[in-house]
Every structure is written in structure tokens, then in C-alpha cells.
Amino acid sequence: MSEIKFTKDETDRIVSKIKTYFNDELDQDIGGFEAEFLIDFFAKEIGPFYYNKGLSDAQDLFSQQAEELNYQIHELEKPIGS
């Protein structure tokens, strides 16, 4: 897995959400620098769990779709007379 990179806009939006969470839920104010540090920490330490779960979910969906496609292909088969 390559390093997770966010655009400036994405980073700003995430920082805003982190600051709001800390303020609303923990009654603490944190600065943008601290929030960006948390983003980096979560991306490095927790991000792989979410990434792997996403891959697993995608693989399950792909398998289900492949099974359905296989069924549909078999439906197209013509009977062979003797």
C-alpha cells in the first residue's frame, strides 16, 4: 500500500472535522497543526485496517458478481441433442 495523500482541500475538511469533534465531544480546542498530526497518525496506524477492509469488501463483491455472471453465462448455453 502506498502512502495515503490528501489534497489541500481534503486535509482542510478533515482538520475542520477533527477540530469540531474535539470541541464538541471532548470540550477541548486543538489547533490545525495538532489536527494534521492526528491525520498523519491515523493514516499511518489505523488507515491500513480500513484500507484492507475496503479491499476485502471489494473482493467479496467481485466474487458475488463473478458468480452471478457465471450463472448467467450457463443460462445462455444451448442444449445439445443426441
N, C-alpha and C. Protein backbone atom coordinates (compact mmCIF):
# COMPACT_ATOMS: atom_id res chain seq x y z
N MET A 1 0.84 -1.17 0.00
CA MET A 1 0.00 0.00 0.00
C MET A 1 0.89 1.23 0.00
N SER A 2 0.58 2.16 -0.87
CA SER A 2 1.35 3.39 -0.91
C SER A 2 0.87 4.35 0.19
N GLU A 3 1.68 5.35 0.44
CA GLU A 3 1.34 6.32 1.48
C GLU A 3 0.07 7.07 1.10
N ILE A 4 -0.78 7.29 2.08
CA ILE A 4 -2.04 7.99 1.84
C ILE A 4 -1.76 9.49 1.77
N LYS A 5 -2.19 10.11 0.69
CA LYS A 5 -2.03 11.55 0.50
C LYS A 5 -3.40 12.17 0.27
N PHE A 6 -3.64 13.29 0.90
CA PHE A 6 -4.88 14.02 0.71
C PHE A 6 -4.57 15.35 0.03
N THR A 7 -5.53 15.85 -0.74
CA THR A 7 -5.37 17.18 -1.33
C THR A 7 -5.46 18.21 -0.21
N LYS A 8 -5.09 19.43 -0.50
CA LYS A 8 -5.19 20.51 0.49
C LYS A 8 -6.64 20.67 0.94
N ASP A 9 -7.57 20.64 -0.02
CA ASP A 9 -8.99 20.77 0.32
C ASP A 9 -9.45 19.64 1.23
N GLU A 10 -9.06 18.40 0.90
CA GLU A 10 -9.43 17.26 1.74
C GLU A 10 -8.84 17.41 3.14
N THR A 11 -7.57 17.80 3.20
CA THR A 11 -6.92 17.99 4.50
C THR A 11 -7.63 19.06 5.32
N ASP A 12 -7.97 20.17 4.68
CA ASP A 12 -8.67 21.25 5.38
C ASP A 12 -10.02 20.76 5.92
N ARG A 13 -10.73 19.98 5.13
CA ARG A 13 -12.03 19.47 5.55
C ARG A 13 -11.87 18.50 6.72
N ILE A 14 -10.86 17.63 6.66
CA ILE A 14 -10.64 16.67 7.74
C ILE A 14 -10.22 17.40 9.02
N VAL A 15 -9.32 18.37 8.87
CA VAL A 15 -8.88 19.17 10.03
C VAL A 15 -10.08 19.82 10.69
N SER A 16 -10.96 20.38 9.89
CA SER A 16 -12.16 21.02 10.43
C SER A 16 -13.02 20.03 11.21
N LYS A 17 -13.18 18.83 10.67
CA LYS A 17 -13.98 17.81 11.35
C LYS A 17 -13.33 17.38 12.67
N ILE A 18 -12.01 17.22 12.66
CA ILE A 18 -11.30 16.84 13.89
C ILE A 18 -11.43 17.92 14.95
N LYS A 19 -11.23 19.17 14.55
CA LYS A 19 -11.34 20.28 15.49
C LYS A 19 -12.74 20.37 16.08
N THR A 20 -13.75 20.18 15.21
CA THR A 20 -15.13 20.21 15.68
C THR A 20 -15.40 19.06 16.65
N TYR A 21 -14.91 17.88 16.33
CA TYR A 21 -15.11 16.72 17.20
C TYR A 21 -14.48 16.98 18.58
N PHE A 22 -13.24 17.44 18.58
CA PHE A 22 -12.55 17.70 19.86
C PHE A 22 -13.31 18.75 20.67
N ASN A 23 -13.80 19.75 19.98
CA ASN A 23 -14.51 20.81 20.68
C ASN A 23 -15.87 20.32 21.21
N ASP A 24 -16.64 19.66 20.37
CA ASP A 24 -17.99 19.24 20.74
C ASP A 24 -18.02 18.04 21.69
N GLU A 25 -17.18 17.05 21.42
CA GLU A 25 -17.25 15.81 22.18
C GLU A 25 -16.29 15.76 23.38
N LEU A 26 -15.15 16.41 23.25
CA LEU A 26 -14.15 16.33 24.31
C LEU A 26 -13.97 17.66 25.05
N ASP A 27 -14.69 18.67 24.57
CA ASP A 27 -14.63 20.00 25.17
C ASP A 27 -13.20 20.52 25.23
N GLN A 28 -12.45 20.27 24.14
CA GLN A 28 -11.06 20.73 24.04
C GLN A 28 -10.86 21.40 22.69
N ASP A 29 -10.09 22.45 22.71
CA ASP A 29 -9.72 23.12 21.47
C ASP A 29 -8.34 22.64 21.05
N ILE A 30 -8.22 22.27 19.79
CA ILE A 30 -6.90 21.93 19.26
C ILE A 30 -6.68 22.76 18.00
N GLY A 31 -5.42 22.99 17.70
CA GLY A 31 -5.08 23.77 16.53
C GLY A 31 -5.00 22.92 15.28
N GLY A 32 -4.84 23.60 14.17
CA GLY A 32 -4.73 22.92 12.88
C GLY A 32 -3.52 22.01 12.81
N PHE A 33 -2.39 22.44 13.39
CA PHE A 33 -1.18 21.62 13.38
C PHE A 33 -1.41 20.30 14.10
N GLU A 34 -2.02 20.37 15.27
CA GLU A 34 -2.30 19.17 16.04
C GLU A 34 -3.27 18.25 15.31
N ALA A 35 -4.27 18.85 14.66
CA ALA A 35 -5.24 18.05 13.91
C ALA A 35 -4.56 17.36 12.73
N GLU A 36 -3.66 18.06 12.04
CA GLU A 36 -2.93 17.44 10.93
C GLU A 36 -2.02 16.32 11.43
N PHE A 37 -1.45 16.49 12.61
CA PHE A 37 -0.63 15.43 13.20
C PHE A 37 -1.50 14.19 13.45
N LEU A 38 -2.72 14.40 13.94
CA LEU A 38 -3.63 13.28 14.15
C LEU A 38 -3.99 12.59 12.84
N ILE A 39 -4.21 13.39 11.78
CA ILE A 39 -4.49 12.80 10.47
C ILE A 39 -3.35 11.88 10.06
N ASP A 40 -2.12 12.35 10.17
CA ASP A 40 -0.96 11.55 9.80
C ASP A 40 -0.88 10.28 10.64
N PHE A 41 -1.13 10.41 11.94
CA PHE A 41 -1.09 9.26 12.83
C PHE A 41 -2.14 8.23 12.44
N PHE A 42 -3.39 8.69 12.27
CA PHE A 42 -4.46 7.76 11.92
C PHE A 42 -4.23 7.14 10.56
N ALA A 43 -3.75 7.91 9.62
CA ALA A 43 -3.48 7.38 8.28
C ALA A 43 -2.44 6.27 8.34
N LYS A 44 -1.41 6.49 9.14
CA LYS A 44 -0.32 5.50 9.22
C LYS A 44 -0.70 4.30 10.08
N GLU A 45 -1.31 4.53 11.22
CA GLU A 45 -1.54 3.46 12.18
C GLU A 45 -2.89 2.76 12.04
N ILE A 46 -3.92 3.48 11.62
CA ILE A 46 -5.26 2.91 11.56
C ILE A 46 -5.73 2.77 10.11
N GLY A 47 -5.23 3.62 9.25
CA GLY A 47 -5.63 3.59 7.84
C GLY A 47 -5.54 2.21 7.19
N PRO A 48 -4.46 1.45 7.44
CA PRO A 48 -4.36 0.13 6.81
C PRO A 48 -5.52 -0.81 7.17
N PHE A 49 -6.07 -0.69 8.37
CA PHE A 49 -7.22 -1.51 8.73
C PHE A 49 -8.42 -1.20 7.84
N TYR A 50 -8.68 0.09 7.64
CA TYR A 50 -9.79 0.50 6.78
C TYR A 50 -9.50 0.14 5.32
N TYR A 51 -8.28 0.34 4.90
CA TYR A 51 -7.87 0.01 3.53
C TYR A 51 -8.08 -1.47 3.26
N ASN A 52 -7.59 -2.31 4.16
CA ASN A 52 -7.73 -3.76 3.98
C ASN A 52 -9.19 -4.20 4.03
N LYS A 53 -9.99 -3.57 4.88
CA LYS A 53 -11.41 -3.89 4.94
C LYS A 53 -12.09 -3.52 3.64
N GLY A 54 -11.71 -2.38 3.08
CA GLY A 54 -12.26 -1.96 1.79
C GLY A 54 -11.90 -2.94 0.68
N LEU A 55 -10.65 -3.39 0.69
CA LEU A 55 -10.22 -4.38 -0.30
C LEU A 55 -10.99 -5.68 -0.14
N SER A 56 -11.17 -6.11 1.10
CA SER A 56 -11.91 -7.34 1.37
C SER A 56 -13.36 -7.22 0.90
N ASP A 57 -13.99 -6.09 1.19
CA ASP A 57 -15.36 -5.86 0.76
C ASP A 57 -15.45 -5.85 -0.77
N ALA A 58 -14.48 -5.21 -1.43
CA ALA A 58 -14.46 -5.17 -2.89
C ALA A 58 -14.27 -6.57 -3.47
N GLN A 59 -13.40 -7.36 -2.85
CA GLN A 59 -13.17 -8.72 -3.32
C GLN A 59 -14.43 -9.57 -3.15
N ASP A 60 -15.13 -9.43 -2.03
CA ASP A 60 -16.38 -10.16 -1.82
C ASP A 60 -17.41 -9.78 -2.87
N LEU A 61 -17.54 -8.48 -3.14
CA LEU A 61 -18.49 -8.01 -4.15
C LEU A 61 -18.13 -8.55 -5.53
N PHE A 62 -16.84 -8.50 -5.86
CA PHE A 62 -16.39 -9.02 -7.14
C PHE A 62 -16.70 -10.50 -7.26
N SER A 63 -16.47 -11.26 -6.21
CA SER A 63 -16.76 -12.71 -6.23
C SER A 63 -18.24 -12.97 -6.43
N GLN A 64 -19.08 -12.20 -5.76
CA GLN A 64 -20.53 -12.35 -5.92
C GLN A 64 -20.96 -12.05 -7.35
N GLN A 65 -20.40 -10.97 -7.90
CA GLN A 65 -20.75 -10.59 -9.26
C GLN A 65 -20.25 -11.61 -10.27
N ALA A 66 -19.04 -12.15 -10.04
CA ALA A 66 -18.48 -13.16 -10.93
C ALA A 66 -19.33 -14.43 -10.89
N GLU A 67 -19.81 -14.79 -9.70
CA GLU A 67 -20.66 -15.97 -9.56
C GLU A 67 -21.97 -15.77 -10.32
N GLU A 68 -22.56 -14.58 -10.19
CA GLU A 68 -23.80 -14.26 -10.90
C GLU A 68 -23.57 -14.27 -12.41
N LEU A 69 -22.46 -13.72 -12.85
CA LEU A 69 -22.14 -13.71 -14.29
C LEU A 69 -21.95 -15.13 -14.80
N ASN A 70 -21.29 -15.96 -14.02
CA ASN A 70 -21.10 -17.36 -14.39
C ASN A 70 -22.46 -18.06 -14.55
N TYR A 71 -23.37 -17.79 -13.62
CA TYR A 71 -24.71 -18.36 -13.69
C TYR A 71 -25.42 -17.89 -14.96
N GLN A 72 -25.32 -16.60 -15.28
CA GLN A 72 -25.98 -16.06 -16.47
C GLN A 72 -25.40 -16.64 -17.76
N ILE A 73 -24.09 -16.88 -17.77
CA ILE A 73 -23.47 -17.49 -18.94
C ILE A 73 -23.99 -18.91 -19.13
N HIS A 74 -24.10 -19.67 -18.06
CA HIS A 74 -24.63 -21.03 -18.15
C HIS A 74 -26.07 -21.03 -18.65
N GLU A 75 -26.84 -20.00 -18.30
CA GLU A 75 -28.22 -19.87 -18.77
C GLU A 75 -28.27 -19.72 -20.29
N LEU A 76 -27.22 -19.18 -20.88
CA LEU A 76 -27.18 -18.96 -22.33
C LEU A 76 -26.84 -20.23 -23.12
N GLU A 77 -26.36 -21.24 -22.44
CA GLU A 77 -25.97 -22.45 -23.14
C GLU A 77 -27.17 -23.07 -23.85
N LYS A 78 -26.90 -23.57 -25.04
CA LYS A 78 -27.92 -24.24 -25.84
C LYS A 78 -27.86 -25.74 -25.57
N PRO A 79 -29.02 -26.39 -25.54
CA PRO A 79 -28.99 -27.83 -25.34
C PRO A 79 -28.36 -28.53 -26.54
N ILE A 80 -27.67 -29.59 -26.27
CA ILE A 80 -27.02 -30.37 -27.32
C ILE A 80 -27.83 -31.66 -27.50
N GLY A 81 -28.33 -31.82 -28.72
CA GLY A 81 -29.13 -33.01 -29.00
C GLY A 81 -28.24 -34.21 -29.28
N SER A 82 -28.80 -35.41 -29.08
CA SER A 82 -28.02 -36.62 -29.37
C SER A 82 -28.35 -37.18 -30.71
